[in-house]
Amino acid sequence: MINYNTDFYGWTQEQAALLKAGRLSDLDIDNLLEEVETMGRSEKRELDSRLTVLLIHLLKWQYQPVRRGRSGQLTIEGQRINFSETLEENPSLEPQLDTILKKAYAKSIIKASQETALDKQTFPSVCPWTYSQILDDNFYPDAGE
């Protein structure tokens, strides 16, 4: 048996071979369970990260209108695609979107404040946009909203 702690890649290949061969009793169940759970958390973090970056750029777009440009627009477009793809690949995360949005928005306020030098209180304390707006390819918030 290849040791999980000293040769992770070799361990993964060995576990895959054991699964393919149907040798379930030879599997390293404890470490397999840990890895499967870690993969799930990783996907949730990825979705959160994509949404946070998207929200940062929407905030910057709204609160720094003089700095709007093609680069910011393309970043928003790209993050919308990345977020949507991550959610499509992990549809069971959809029921958690409200919680993910709240956490992502809180982080986006901090990061947008750092990147713009605007005070955190400049931004609404609760996300001002719906999911449909956030993901709408034609939606770019204006300062008057």
C-alpha atoms as a PDB file:
ATOM      1  CA  MET A   1       0.000   0.000   0.000  1.00  0.00           C
ATOM      2  CA  ILE A   2       1.255   3.457  -0.930  1.00  0.00           C
ATOM      3  CA  ASN A   3       1.299   5.894   1.963  1.00  0.00           C
ATOM      4  CA  TYR A   4      -1.194   8.765   1.720  1.00  0.00           C
ATOM      5  CA  ASN A   5       1.105  11.152   3.619  1.00  0.00           C
ATOM      6  CA  THR A   6       4.326  10.512   1.706  1.00  0.00           C
ATOM      7  CA  ASP A   7       3.160   9.986  -1.904  1.00  0.00           C
ATOM      8  CA  PHE A   8      -0.248  11.548  -2.454  1.00  0.00           C
ATOM      9  CA  TYR A   9      -0.224  11.134  -6.233  1.00  0.00           C
ATOM     10  CA  GLY A  10       0.794   7.496  -5.997  1.00  0.00           C
ATOM     11  CA  TRP A  11      -1.870   6.974  -3.336  1.00  0.00           C
ATOM     12  CA  THR A  12      -4.585   8.448  -5.604  1.00  0.00           C
ATOM     13  CA  GLN A  13      -3.564   6.199  -8.481  1.00  0.00           C
ATOM     14  CA  GLU A  14      -3.530   3.164  -6.247  1.00  0.00           C
ATOM     15  CA  GLN A  15      -6.970   3.979  -4.852  1.00  0.00           C
ATOM     16  CA  ALA A  16      -8.343   4.459  -8.370  1.00  0.00           C
ATOM     17  CA  ALA A  17      -6.926   1.105  -9.447  1.00  0.00           C
ATOM     18  CA  LEU A  18      -8.449  -0.596  -6.398  1.00  0.00           C
ATOM     19  CA  LEU A  19     -11.838   0.944  -7.180  1.00  0.00           C
ATOM     20  CA  LYS A  20     -11.632  -0.142 -10.825  1.00  0.00           C
ATOM     21  CA  ALA A  21     -10.721  -3.660  -9.751  1.00  0.00           C
ATOM     22  CA  GLY A  22     -13.603  -3.768  -7.264  1.00  0.00           C
ATOM     23  CA  ARG A  23     -11.223  -4.360  -4.350  1.00  0.00           C
ATOM     24  CA  LEU A  24     -13.239  -2.224  -1.976  1.00  0.00           C
ATOM     25  CA  SER A  25     -11.945  -3.883   1.185  1.00  0.00           C
ATOM     26  CA  ASP A  26      -8.401  -2.765   0.282  1.00  0.00           C
ATOM     27  CA  LEU A  27      -9.320   0.927  -0.008  1.00  0.00           C
ATOM     28  CA  ASP A  28      -7.987   3.528   2.425  1.00  0.00           C
ATOM     29  CA  ILE A  29     -11.512   4.562   3.469  1.00  0.00           C
ATOM     30  CA  ASP A  30     -10.593   7.207   6.078  1.00  0.00           C
ATOM     31  CA  ASN A  31      -8.361   9.167   3.733  1.00  0.00           C
ATOM     32  CA  LEU A  32     -10.707   8.689   0.765  1.00  0.00           C
ATOM     33  CA  LEU A  33     -13.558  10.099   2.823  1.00  0.00           C
ATOM     34  CA  GLU A  34     -11.422  13.084   3.830  1.00  0.00           C
ATOM     35  CA  GLU A  35     -10.472  13.773   0.213  1.00  0.00           C
ATOM     36  CA  VAL A  36     -14.057  13.556  -1.053  1.00  0.00           C
ATOM     37  CA  GLU A  37     -15.228  15.981   1.639  1.00  0.00           C
ATOM     38  CA  THR A  38     -12.337  18.322   0.825  1.00  0.00           C
ATOM     39  CA  MET A  39     -13.261  18.290  -2.869  1.00  0.00           C
ATOM     40  CA  GLY A  40     -16.809  19.382  -2.002  1.00  0.00           C
ATOM     41  CA  ARG A  41     -15.579  22.234   0.182  1.00  0.00           C
ATOM     42  CA  SER A  42     -13.198  23.263  -2.573  1.00  0.00           C
ATOM     43  CA  GLU A  43     -16.016  23.579  -5.105  1.00  0.00           C
ATOM     44  CA  LYS A  44     -18.028  25.707  -2.675  1.00  0.00           C
ATOM     45  CA  ARG A  45     -14.993  27.955  -2.077  1.00  0.00           C
ATOM     46  CA  GLU A  46     -14.518  28.274  -5.839  1.00  0.00           C
ATOM     47  CA  LEU A  47     -18.120  29.421  -6.294  1.00  0.00           C
ATOM     48  CA  ASP A  48     -17.738  31.879  -3.411  1.00  0.00           C
ATOM     49  CA  SER A  49     -14.467  33.193  -4.849  1.00  0.00           C
ATOM     50  CA  ARG A  50     -15.931  33.720  -8.327  1.00  0.00           C
ATOM     51  CA  LEU A  51     -18.923  35.561  -6.880  1.00  0.00           C
ATOM     52  CA  THR A  52     -16.717  37.696  -4.611  1.00  0.00           C
ATOM     53  CA  VAL A  53     -14.544  38.839  -7.525  1.00  0.00           C
ATOM     54  CA  LEU A  54     -17.629  39.579  -9.611  1.00  0.00           C
ATOM     55  CA  LEU A  55     -19.173  41.636  -6.802  1.00  0.00           C
ATOM     56  CA  ILE A  56     -15.924  43.560  -6.254  1.00  0.00           C
ATOM     57  CA  HIS A  57     -15.916  44.609  -9.882  1.00  0.00           C
ATOM     58  CA  LEU A  58     -19.611  45.519  -9.863  1.00  0.00           C
ATOM     59  CA  LEU A  59     -18.993  47.707  -6.810  1.00  0.00           C
ATOM     60  CA  LYS A  60     -15.988  49.324  -8.455  1.00  0.00           C
ATOM     61  CA  TRP A  61     -18.042  49.887 -11.610  1.00  0.00           C
ATOM     62  CA  GLN A  62     -20.833  51.565  -9.651  1.00  0.00           C
ATOM     63  CA  TYR A  63     -18.741  53.636  -7.247  1.00  0.00           C
ATOM     64  CA  GLN A  64     -15.869  54.623  -9.524  1.00  0.00           C
ATOM     65  CA  PRO A  65     -17.652  55.726 -12.710  1.00  0.00           C
ATOM     66  CA  VAL A  66     -14.656  57.763 -13.916  1.00  0.00           C
ATOM     67  CA  ARG A  67     -12.567  54.580 -13.994  1.00  0.00           C
ATOM     68  CA  ARG A  68     -15.030  52.541 -16.052  1.00  0.00           C
ATOM     69  CA  GLY A  69     -13.500  51.011 -19.110  1.00  0.00           C
ATOM     70  CA  ARG A  70     -13.298  48.031 -21.393  1.00  0.00           C
ATOM     71  CA  SER A  71     -10.985  46.154 -19.005  1.00  0.00           C
ATOM     72  CA  GLY A  72     -13.465  46.375 -16.124  1.00  0.00           C
ATOM     73  CA  GLN A  73     -16.321  45.370 -18.394  1.00  0.00           C
ATOM     74  CA  LEU A  74     -14.413  42.343 -19.661  1.00  0.00           C
ATOM     75  CA  THR A  75     -13.513  41.332 -16.099  1.00  0.00           C
ATOM     76  CA  ILE A  76     -17.197  41.447 -15.134  1.00  0.00           C
ATOM     77  CA  GLU A  77     -18.135  39.409 -18.206  1.00  0.00           C
ATOM     78  CA  GLY A  78     -15.443  36.829 -17.513  1.00  0.00           C
ATOM     79  CA  GLN A  79     -16.393  36.451 -13.859  1.00  0.00           C
ATOM     80  CA  ARG A  80     -20.051  36.038 -14.779  1.00  0.00           C
ATOM     81  CA  ILE A  81     -19.067  33.176 -17.064  1.00  0.00           C
ATOM     82  CA  ASN A  82     -16.772  31.629 -14.443  1.00  0.00           C
ATOM     83  CA  PHE A  83     -19.429  31.844 -11.731  1.00  0.00           C
ATOM     84  CA  SER A  84     -22.138  30.387 -13.991  1.00  0.00           C
ATOM     85  CA  GLU A  85     -19.888  27.522 -15.129  1.00  0.00           C
ATOM     86  CA  THR A  86     -18.935  26.672 -11.545  1.00  0.00           C
ATOM     87  CA  LEU A  87     -22.597  26.642 -10.511  1.00  0.00           C
ATOM     88  CA  GLU A  88     -23.575  24.537 -13.551  1.00  0.00           C
ATOM     89  CA  GLU A  89     -20.909  21.996 -12.587  1.00  0.00           C
ATOM     90  CA  ASN A  90     -22.158  21.967  -8.970  1.00  0.00           C
ATOM     91  CA  PRO A  91     -25.958  22.437  -9.080  1.00  0.00           C
ATOM     92  CA  SER A  92     -26.400  21.080  -5.549  1.00  0.00           C
ATOM     93  CA  LEU A  93     -24.816  24.339  -4.311  1.00  0.00           C
ATOM     94  CA  GLU A  94     -27.803  26.324  -5.632  1.00  0.00           C
ATOM     95  CA  PRO A  95     -29.826  26.022  -2.388  1.00  0.00           C
ATOM     96  CA  GLN A  96     -26.869  27.635  -0.577  1.00  0.00           C
ATOM     97  CA  LEU A  97     -26.662  30.669  -2.873  1.00  0.00           C
ATOM     98  CA  ASP A  98     -28.254  33.108  -0.400  1.00  0.00           C
ATOM     99  CA  THR A  99     -25.670  32.255   2.254  1.00  0.00           C
ATOM    100  CA  ILE A 100     -22.837  32.282  -0.280  1.00  0.00           C
ATOM    101  CA  LEU A 101     -23.994  35.690  -1.576  1.00  0.00           C
ATOM    102  CA  LYS A 102     -24.087  37.222   1.911  1.00  0.00           C
ATOM    103  CA  LYS A 103     -20.574  36.027   2.711  1.00  0.00           C
ATOM    104  CA  ALA A 104     -19.189  36.923  -0.720  1.00  0.00           C
ATOM    105  CA  TYR A 105     -20.696  40.394  -0.563  1.00  0.00           C
ATOM    106  CA  ALA A 106     -19.217  41.064   2.888  1.00  0.00           C
ATOM    107  CA  LYS A 107     -15.786  40.110   1.548  1.00  0.00           C
ATOM    108  CA  SER A 108     -16.302  42.141  -1.621  1.00  0.00           C
ATOM    109  CA  ILE A 109     -16.947  45.319   0.387  1.00  0.00           C
ATOM    110  CA  ILE A 110     -13.616  44.928   2.167  1.00  0.00           C
ATOM    111  CA  LYS A 111     -11.686  44.218  -1.025  1.00  0.00           C
ATOM    112  CA  ALA A 112     -13.434  46.967  -3.015  1.00  0.00           C
ATOM    113  CA  SER A 113     -12.616  49.408  -0.220  1.00  0.00           C
ATOM    114  CA  GLN A 114      -8.956  48.361  -0.378  1.00  0.00           C
ATOM    115  CA  GLU A 115      -8.803  48.649  -4.162  1.00  0.00           C
ATOM    116  CA  THR A 116     -10.667  51.963  -4.463  1.00  0.00           C
ATOM    117  CA  ALA A 117      -9.554  53.739  -1.258  1.00  0.00           C
ATOM    118  CA  LEU A 118     -13.259  54.388  -0.622  1.00  0.00           C
ATOM    119  CA  ASP A 119     -14.528  53.937   2.923  1.00  0.00           C
ATOM    120  CA  LYS A 120     -16.361  50.652   3.536  1.00  0.00           C
ATOM    121  CA  GLN A 121     -19.443  52.651   4.581  1.00  0.00           C
ATOM    122  CA  THR A 122     -19.627  53.973   1.009  1.00  0.00           C
ATOM    123  CA  PHE A 123     -21.046  50.624  -0.054  1.00  0.00           C
ATOM    124  CA  PRO A 124     -24.461  49.266   0.966  1.00  0.00           C
ATOM    125  CA  SER A 125     -24.223  46.825   3.875  1.00  0.00           C
ATOM    126  CA  VAL A 126     -26.457  44.347   2.022  1.00  0.00           C
ATOM    127  CA  CYS A 127     -25.979  43.391  -1.609  1.00  0.00           C
ATOM    128  CA  PRO A 128     -28.114  45.803  -3.643  1.00  0.00           C
ATOM    129  CA  TRP A 129     -28.502  43.476  -6.602  1.00  0.00           C
ATOM    130  CA  THR A 130     -30.478  40.324  -7.255  1.00  0.00           C
ATOM    131  CA  TYR A 131     -28.882  37.196  -8.668  1.00  0.00           C
ATOM    132  CA  SER A 132     -30.574  37.837 -11.975  1.00  0.00           C
ATOM    133  CA  GLN A 133     -28.979  41.312 -12.118  1.00  0.00           C
ATOM    134  CA  ILE A 134     -25.569  40.053 -11.017  1.00  0.00           C
ATOM    135  CA  LEU A 135     -25.558  37.429 -13.772  1.00  0.00           C
ATOM    136  CA  ASP A 136     -27.282  39.535 -16.457  1.00  0.00           C
ATOM    137  CA  ASP A 137     -24.812  40.196 -19.281  1.00  0.00           C
ATOM    138  CA  ASN A 138     -26.422  43.576 -19.896  1.00  0.00           C
ATOM    139  CA  PHE A 139     -26.451  44.775 -16.279  1.00  0.00           C
ATOM    140  CA  TYR A 140     -23.858  47.314 -15.179  1.00  0.00           C
ATOM    141  CA  PRO A 141     -24.867  49.291 -12.084  1.00  0.00           C
ATOM    142  CA  ASP A 142     -24.953  53.075 -12.198  1.00  0.00           C
ATOM    143  CA  ALA A 143     -24.019  55.365  -9.335  1.00  0.00           C
ATOM    144  CA  GLY A 144     -27.627  56.541  -9.124  1.00  0.00           C
ATOM    145  CA  GLU A 145     -28.952  53.096  -8.179  1.00  0.00           C
END
